[in-house]
Amino acid sequence: MIWEEVLQELFNQEMAAAIIALVEGVDGRVELHLPIQNIINEEAEAYFAGQVDLDKTVEKIQNRISLLLQESL
């Protein structure tokens, strides 16, 4: 692969091998954080219904997620 050749040019062999192993070890799976997804869905629903403008929607999403994260600490 081309990116492996580039890594080998930029780094010593040991470092390039470590980076390649790291990249190849990634499984590409994404897990959703359901409470955050629910907040986004709820606030987006009000936005798409025309009840709230975009700036207010973004502000509400940010505030609710910040609160959720603070409570989980």
PDB file of N, CA and C in Angstrom:
ATOM      1  N   MET A   1       0.843  -1.185   0.000  1.00  0.00           N
ATOM      2  CA  MET A   1       0.000   0.000   0.000  1.00  0.00           C
ATOM      3  C   MET A   1       0.884   1.243   0.000  1.00  0.00           C
ATOM      4  N   ILE A   2       0.406   2.275  -0.610  1.00  0.00           N
ATOM      5  CA  ILE A   2       1.164   3.526  -0.735  1.00  0.00           C
ATOM      6  C   ILE A   2       1.414   4.154   0.635  1.00  0.00           C
ATOM      7  N   TRP A   3       0.414   4.178   1.517  1.00  0.00           N
ATOM      8  CA  TRP A   3       0.594   4.836   2.808  1.00  0.00           C
ATOM      9  C   TRP A   3       1.670   4.143   3.636  1.00  0.00           C
ATOM     10  N   GLU A   4       1.831   2.850   3.474  1.00  0.00           N
ATOM     11  CA  GLU A   4       2.901   2.142   4.181  1.00  0.00           C
ATOM     12  C   GLU A   4       4.271   2.617   3.682  1.00  0.00           C
ATOM     13  N   GLU A   5       4.386   2.816   2.385  1.00  0.00           N
ATOM     14  CA  GLU A   5       5.641   3.304   1.807  1.00  0.00           C
ATOM     15  C   GLU A   5       5.960   4.709   2.303  1.00  0.00           C
ATOM     16  N   VAL A   6       4.939   5.552   2.396  1.00  0.00           N
ATOM     17  CA  VAL A   6       5.130   6.922   2.886  1.00  0.00           C
ATOM     18  C   VAL A   6       5.597   6.896   4.339  1.00  0.00           C
ATOM     19  N   LEU A   7       4.955   6.052   5.157  1.00  0.00           N
ATOM     20  CA  LEU A   7       5.360   5.947   6.560  1.00  0.00           C
ATOM     21  C   LEU A   7       6.807   5.489   6.679  1.00  0.00           C
ATOM     22  N   GLN A   8       7.192   4.543   5.851  1.00  0.00           N
ATOM     23  CA  GLN A   8       8.554   4.033   5.903  1.00  0.00           C
ATOM     24  C   GLN A   8       9.570   5.081   5.470  1.00  0.00           C
ATOM     25  N   GLU A   9       9.152   6.012   4.622  1.00  0.00           N
ATOM     26  CA  GLU A   9      10.036   7.104   4.212  1.00  0.00           C
ATOM     27  C   GLU A   9      10.170   8.146   5.330  1.00  0.00           C
ATOM     28  N   LEU A  10       9.062   8.385   6.052  1.00  0.00           N
ATOM     29  CA  LEU A  10       9.056   9.435   7.073  1.00  0.00           C
ATOM     30  C   LEU A  10       9.641   8.997   8.407  1.00  0.00           C
ATOM     31  N   PHE A  11       9.495   7.714   8.754  1.00  0.00           N
ATOM     32  CA  PHE A  11       9.901   7.219  10.060  1.00  0.00           C
ATOM     33  C   PHE A  11      10.896   6.083   9.906  1.00  0.00           C
ATOM     34  N   ASN A  12      11.588   5.772  11.012  1.00  0.00           N
ATOM     35  CA  ASN A  12      12.449   4.609  10.968  1.00  0.00           C
ATOM     36  C   ASN A  12      11.577   3.355  10.874  1.00  0.00           C
ATOM     37  N   GLN A  13      12.181   2.239  10.583  1.00  0.00           N
ATOM     38  CA  GLN A  13      11.427   1.009  10.321  1.00  0.00           C
ATOM     39  C   GLN A  13      10.583   0.590  11.522  1.00  0.00           C
ATOM     40  N   GLU A  14      11.121   0.725  12.715  1.00  0.00           N
ATOM     41  CA  GLU A  14      10.391   0.327  13.928  1.00  0.00           C
ATOM     42  C   GLU A  14       9.154   1.195  14.137  1.00  0.00           C
ATOM     43  N   MET A  15       9.305   2.506  13.978  1.00  0.00           N
ATOM     44  CA  MET A  15       8.177   3.426  14.160  1.00  0.00           C
ATOM     45  C   MET A  15       7.131   3.210  13.075  1.00  0.00           C
ATOM     46  N   ALA A  16       7.549   3.036  11.840  1.00  0.00           N
ATOM     47  CA  ALA A  16       6.609   2.785  10.742  1.00  0.00           C
ATOM     48  C   ALA A  16       5.831   1.502  11.001  1.00  0.00           C
ATOM     49  N   ALA A  17       6.514   0.460  11.473  1.00  0.00           N
ATOM     50  CA  ALA A  17       5.844  -0.816  11.757  1.00  0.00           C
ATOM     51  C   ALA A  17       4.813  -0.647  12.865  1.00  0.00           C
ATOM     52  N   ALA A  18       5.135   0.154  13.888  1.00  0.00           N
ATOM     53  CA  ALA A  18       4.201   0.389  14.989  1.00  0.00           C
ATOM     54  C   ALA A  18       2.959   1.131  14.510  1.00  0.00           C
ATOM     55  N   ILE A  19       3.148   2.137  13.669  1.00  0.00           N
ATOM     56  CA  ILE A  19       2.013   2.898  13.139  1.00  0.00           C
ATOM     57  C   ILE A  19       1.152   2.015  12.243  1.00  0.00           C
ATOM     58  N   ILE A  20       1.769   1.226  11.402  1.00  0.00           N
ATOM     59  CA  ILE A  20       1.033   0.330  10.515  1.00  0.00           C
ATOM     60  C   ILE A  20       0.224  -0.669  11.338  1.00  0.00           C
ATOM     61  N   ALA A  21       0.818  -1.230  12.386  1.00  0.00           N
ATOM     62  CA  ALA A  21       0.106  -2.182  13.244  1.00  0.00           C
ATOM     63  C   ALA A  21      -1.089  -1.510  13.921  1.00  0.00           C
ATOM     64  N   LEU A  22      -0.900  -0.264  14.352  1.00  0.00           N
ATOM     65  CA  LEU A  22      -1.992   0.473  14.984  1.00  0.00           C
ATOM     66  C   LEU A  22      -3.141   0.692  14.009  1.00  0.00           C
ATOM     67  N   VAL A  23      -2.826   1.144  12.816  1.00  0.00           N
ATOM     68  CA  VAL A  23      -3.848   1.400  11.801  1.00  0.00           C
ATOM     69  C   VAL A  23      -4.576   0.112  11.424  1.00  0.00           C
ATOM     70  N   GLU A  24      -3.833  -0.951  11.248  1.00  0.00           N
ATOM     71  CA  GLU A  24      -4.453  -2.215  10.867  1.00  0.00           C
ATOM     72  C   GLU A  24      -5.277  -2.816  11.994  1.00  0.00           C
ATOM     73  N   GLY A  25      -5.009  -2.421  13.236  1.00  0.00           N
ATOM     74  CA  GLY A  25      -5.746  -2.937  14.376  1.00  0.00           C
ATOM     75  C   GLY A  25      -7.085  -2.259  14.612  1.00  0.00           C
ATOM     76  N   VAL A  26      -7.322  -1.157  13.951  1.00  0.00           N
ATOM     77  CA  VAL A  26      -8.588  -0.437  14.115  1.00  0.00           C
ATOM     78  C   VAL A  26      -9.683  -1.203  13.390  1.00  0.00           C
ATOM     79  N   ASP A  27     -10.796  -1.423  14.106  1.00  0.00           N
ATOM     80  CA  ASP A  27     -11.869  -2.198  13.487  1.00  0.00           C
ATOM     81  C   ASP A  27     -12.925  -1.339  12.803  1.00  0.00           C
ATOM     82  N   GLY A  28     -12.841  -0.019  12.954  1.00  0.00           N
ATOM     83  CA  GLY A  28     -13.752   0.866  12.250  1.00  0.00           C
ATOM     84  C   GLY A  28     -15.166   0.891  12.794  1.00  0.00           C
ATOM     85  N   ARG A  29     -15.372   0.305  13.949  1.00  0.00           N
ATOM     86  CA  ARG A  29     -16.711   0.240  14.525  1.00  0.00           C
ATOM     87  C   ARG A  29     -17.003   1.521  15.300  1.00  0.00           C
ATOM     88  N   VAL A  30     -18.200   2.016  15.161  1.00  0.00           N
ATOM     89  CA  VAL A  30     -18.625   3.211  15.872  1.00  0.00           C
ATOM     90  C   VAL A  30     -19.763   2.825  16.803  1.00  0.00           C
ATOM     91  N   GLU A  31     -19.652   3.254  18.048  1.00  0.00           N
ATOM     92  CA  GLU A  31     -20.719   3.001  19.002  1.00  0.00           C
ATOM     93  C   GLU A  31     -21.371   4.329  19.357  1.00  0.00           C
ATOM     94  N   LEU A  32     -22.688   4.351  19.315  1.00  0.00           N
ATOM     95  CA  LEU A  32     -23.416   5.562  19.656  1.00  0.00           C
ATOM     96  C   LEU A  32     -23.564   5.665  21.163  1.00  0.00           C
ATOM     97  N   HIS A  33     -23.560   6.865  21.645  1.00  0.00           N
ATOM     98  CA  HIS A  33     -23.861   7.131  23.046  1.00  0.00           C
ATOM     99  C   HIS A  33     -25.343   7.486  23.051  1.00  0.00           C
ATOM    100  N   LEU A  34     -26.166   6.537  23.447  1.00  0.00           N
ATOM    101  CA  LEU A  34     -27.616   6.673  23.314  1.00  0.00           C
ATOM    102  C   LEU A  34     -28.192   7.923  23.982  1.00  0.00           C
ATOM    103  N   PRO A  35     -27.815   8.267  25.213  1.00  0.00           N
ATOM    104  CA  PRO A  35     -28.381   9.497  25.798  1.00  0.00           C
ATOM    105  C   PRO A  35     -28.056  10.749  24.987  1.00  0.00           C
ATOM    106  N   ILE A  36     -26.847  10.829  24.443  1.00  0.00           N
ATOM    107  CA  ILE A  36     -26.492  11.985  23.615  1.00  0.00           C
ATOM    108  C   ILE A  36     -27.284  11.962  22.315  1.00  0.00           C
ATOM    109  N   GLN A  37     -27.413  10.798  21.714  1.00  0.00           N
ATOM    110  CA  GLN A  37     -28.193  10.686  20.482  1.00  0.00           C
ATOM    111  C   GLN A  37     -29.649  11.080  20.722  1.00  0.00           C
ATOM    112  N   ASN A  38     -30.204  10.702  21.868  1.00  0.00           N
ATOM    113  CA  ASN A  38     -31.590  11.063  22.199  1.00  0.00           C
ATOM    114  C   ASN A  38     -31.750  12.575  22.331  1.00  0.00           C
ATOM    115  N   ILE A  39     -30.778  13.234  22.973  1.00  0.00           N
ATOM    116  CA  ILE A  39     -30.827  14.695  23.102  1.00  0.00           C
ATOM    117  C   ILE A  39     -30.826  15.343  21.721  1.00  0.00           C
ATOM    118  N   ILE A  40     -29.936  14.899  20.864  1.00  0.00           N
ATOM    119  CA  ILE A  40     -29.852  15.460  19.512  1.00  0.00           C
ATOM    120  C   ILE A  40     -31.164  15.248  18.764  1.00  0.00           C
ATOM    121  N   ASN A  41     -31.715  14.040  18.854  1.00  0.00           N
ATOM    122  CA  ASN A  41     -32.970  13.742  18.160  1.00  0.00           C
ATOM    123  C   ASN A  41     -34.115  14.611  18.663  1.00  0.00           C
ATOM    124  N   GLU A  42     -34.220  14.765  19.980  1.00  0.00           N
ATOM    125  CA  GLU A  42     -35.310  15.567  20.560  1.00  0.00           C
ATOM    126  C   GLU A  42     -35.227  17.023  20.123  1.00  0.00           C
ATOM    127  N   GLU A  43     -34.044  17.594  20.231  1.00  0.00           N
ATOM    128  CA  GLU A  43     -33.892  19.009  19.883  1.00  0.00           C
ATOM    129  C   GLU A  43     -34.001  19.234  18.372  1.00  0.00           C
ATOM    130  N   ALA A  44     -33.497  18.301  17.587  1.00  0.00           N
ATOM    131  CA  ALA A  44     -33.600  18.433  16.130  1.00  0.00           C
ATOM    132  C   ALA A  44     -35.054  18.348  15.679  1.00  0.00           C
ATOM    133  N   GLU A  45     -35.841  17.541  16.372  1.00  0.00           N
ATOM    134  CA  GLU A  45     -37.266  17.420  16.022  1.00  0.00           C
ATOM    135  C   GLU A  45     -37.970  18.771  16.133  1.00  0.00           C
ATOM    136  N   ALA A  46     -37.694  19.501  17.220  1.00  0.00           N
ATOM    137  CA  ALA A  46     -38.293  20.830  17.389  1.00  0.00           C
ATOM    138  C   ALA A  46     -37.803  21.788  16.308  1.00  0.00           C
ATOM    139  N   TYR A  47     -36.529  21.682  15.948  1.00  0.00           N
ATOM    140  CA  TYR A  47     -35.987  22.534  14.886  1.00  0.00           C
ATOM    141  C   TYR A  47     -36.662  22.249  13.556  1.00  0.00           C
ATOM    142  N   PHE A  48     -36.753  20.980  13.182  1.00  0.00           N
ATOM    143  CA  PHE A  48     -37.339  20.631  11.889  1.00  0.00           C
ATOM    144  C   PHE A  48     -38.844  20.889  11.839  1.00  0.00           C
ATOM    145  N   ALA A  49     -39.473  20.974  13.008  1.00  0.00           N
ATOM    146  CA  ALA A  49     -40.899  21.316  13.062  1.00  0.00           C
ATOM    147  C   ALA A  49     -41.100  22.826  12.977  1.00  0.00           C
ATOM    148  N   GLY A  50     -39.986  23.578  12.944  1.00  0.00           N
ATOM    149  CA  GLY A  50     -40.079  25.024  12.832  1.00  0.00           C
ATOM    150  C   GLY A  50     -40.379  25.719  14.141  1.00  0.00           C
ATOM    151  N   GLN A  51     -40.241  25.017  15.259  1.00  0.00           N
ATOM    152  CA  GLN A  51     -40.550  25.590  16.566  1.00  0.00           C
ATOM    153  C   GLN A  51     -39.395  26.381  17.162  1.00  0.00           C
ATOM    154  N   VAL A  52     -38.163  26.059  16.740  1.00  0.00           N
ATOM    155  CA  VAL A  52     -36.965  26.692  17.302  1.00  0.00           C
ATOM    156  C   VAL A  52     -35.994  26.963  16.161  1.00  0.00           C
ATOM    157  N   ASP A  53     -35.281  28.114  16.242  1.00  0.00           N
ATOM    158  CA  ASP A  53     -34.303  28.403  15.181  1.00  0.00           C
ATOM    159  C   ASP A  53     -33.012  27.604  15.409  1.00  0.00           C
ATOM    160  N   LEU A  54     -32.135  27.628  14.422  1.00  0.00           N
ATOM    161  CA  LEU A  54     -30.917  26.814  14.453  1.00  0.00           C
ATOM    162  C   LEU A  54     -30.006  27.182  15.621  1.00  0.00           C
ATOM    163  N   ASP A  55     -29.781  28.473  15.838  1.00  0.00           N
ATOM    164  CA  ASP A  55     -28.883  28.890  16.918  1.00  0.00           C
ATOM    165  C   ASP A  55     -29.384  28.414  18.281  1.00  0.00           C
ATOM    166  N   LYS A  56     -30.669  28.549  18.521  1.00  0.00           N
ATOM    167  CA  LYS A  56     -31.245  28.106  19.791  1.00  0.00           C
ATOM    168  C   LYS A  56     -31.164  26.585  19.918  1.00  0.00           C
ATOM    169  N   THR A  57     -31.373  25.883  18.813  1.00  0.00           N
ATOM    170  CA  THR A  57     -31.279  24.419  18.822  1.00  0.00           C
ATOM    171  C   THR A  57     -29.880  23.970  19.192  1.00  0.00           C
ATOM    172  N   VAL A  58     -28.882  24.568  18.566  1.00  0.00           N
ATOM    173  CA  VAL A  58     -27.491  24.218  18.858  1.00  0.00           C
ATOM    174  C   VAL A  58     -27.166  24.519  20.317  1.00  0.00           C
ATOM    175  N   GLU A  59     -27.598  25.675  20.788  1.00  0.00           N
ATOM    176  CA  GLU A  59     -27.354  26.061  22.177  1.00  0.00           C
ATOM    177  C   GLU A  59     -27.978  25.057  23.157  1.00  0.00           C
ATOM    178  N   LYS A  60     -29.210  24.656  22.878  1.00  0.00           N
ATOM    179  CA  LYS A  60     -29.885  23.704  23.761  1.00  0.00           C
ATOM    180  C   LYS A  60     -29.196  22.342  23.748  1.00  0.00           C
ATOM    181  N   ILE A  61     -28.773  21.894  22.577  1.00  0.00           N
ATOM    182  CA  ILE A  61     -28.064  20.612  22.482  1.00  0.00           C
ATOM    183  C   ILE A  61     -26.762  20.685  23.283  1.00  0.00           C
ATOM    184  N   GLN A  62     -25.999  21.732  23.082  1.00  0.00           N
ATOM    185  CA  GLN A  62     -24.729  21.881  23.802  1.00  0.00           C
ATOM    186  C   GLN A  62     -24.940  21.922  25.308  1.00  0.00           C
ATOM    187  N   ASN A  63     -25.926  22.680  25.759  1.00  0.00           N
ATOM    188  CA  ASN A  63     -26.193  22.799  27.190  1.00  0.00           C
ATOM    189  C   ASN A  63     -26.618  21.460  27.790  1.00  0.00           C
ATOM    190  N   ARG A  64     -27.510  20.774  27.112  1.00  0.00           N
ATOM    191  CA  ARG A  64     -27.999  19.495  27.648  1.00  0.00           C
ATOM    192  C   ARG A  64     -26.889  18.440  27.681  1.00  0.00           C
ATOM    193  N   ILE A  65     -26.064  18.392  26.648  1.00  0.00           N
ATOM    194  CA  ILE A  65     -24.976  17.409  26.627  1.00  0.00           C
ATOM    195  C   ILE A  65     -23.937  17.768  27.679  1.00  0.00           C
ATOM    196  N   SER A  66     -23.628  19.051  27.855  1.00  0.00           N
ATOM    197  CA  SER A  66     -22.688  19.459  28.905  1.00  0.00           C
ATOM    198  C   SER A  66     -23.188  19.031  30.272  1.00  0.00           C
ATOM    199  N   LEU A  67     -24.457  19.253  30.524  1.00  0.00           N
ATOM    200  CA  LEU A  67     -25.052  18.862  31.797  1.00  0.00           C
ATOM    201  C   LEU A  67     -24.989  17.349  31.996  1.00  0.00           C
ATOM    202  N   LEU A  68     -25.326  16.623  30.961  1.00  0.00           N
ATOM    203  CA  LEU A  68     -25.265  15.153  31.020  1.00  0.00           C
ATOM    204  C   LEU A  68     -23.849  14.672  31.354  1.00  0.00           C
ATOM    205  N   LEU A  69     -22.860  15.257  30.706  1.00  0.00           N
ATOM    206  CA  LEU A  69     -21.473  14.863  30.947  1.00  0.00           C
ATOM    207  C   LEU A  69     -21.007  15.248  32.343  1.00  0.00           C
ATOM    208  N   GLN A  70     -21.427  16.405  32.829  1.00  0.00           N
ATOM    209  CA  GLN A  70     -21.071  16.818  34.179  1.00  0.00           C
ATOM    210  C   GLN A  70     -21.685  15.888  35.230  1.00  0.00           C
ATOM    211  N   GLU A  71     -22.904  15.460  34.993  1.00  0.00           N
ATOM    212  CA  GLU A  71     -23.575  14.556  35.924  1.00  0.00           C
ATOM    213  C   GLU A  71     -22.943  13.179  35.949  1.00  0.00           C
ATOM    214  N   SER A  72     -22.304  12.800  34.855  1.00  0.00           N
ATOM    215  CA  SER A  72     -21.733  11.451  34.790  1.00  0.00           C
ATOM    216  C   SER A  72     -20.326  11.383  35.383  1.00  0.00           C
ATOM    217  N   LEU A  73     -19.763  12.529  35.782  1.00  0.00           N
ATOM    218  CA  LEU A  73     -18.407  12.521  36.371  1.00  0.00           C
ATOM    219  C   LEU A  73     -18.425  12.056  37.801  1.00  0.00           C
TER     220      LEU A  73
END
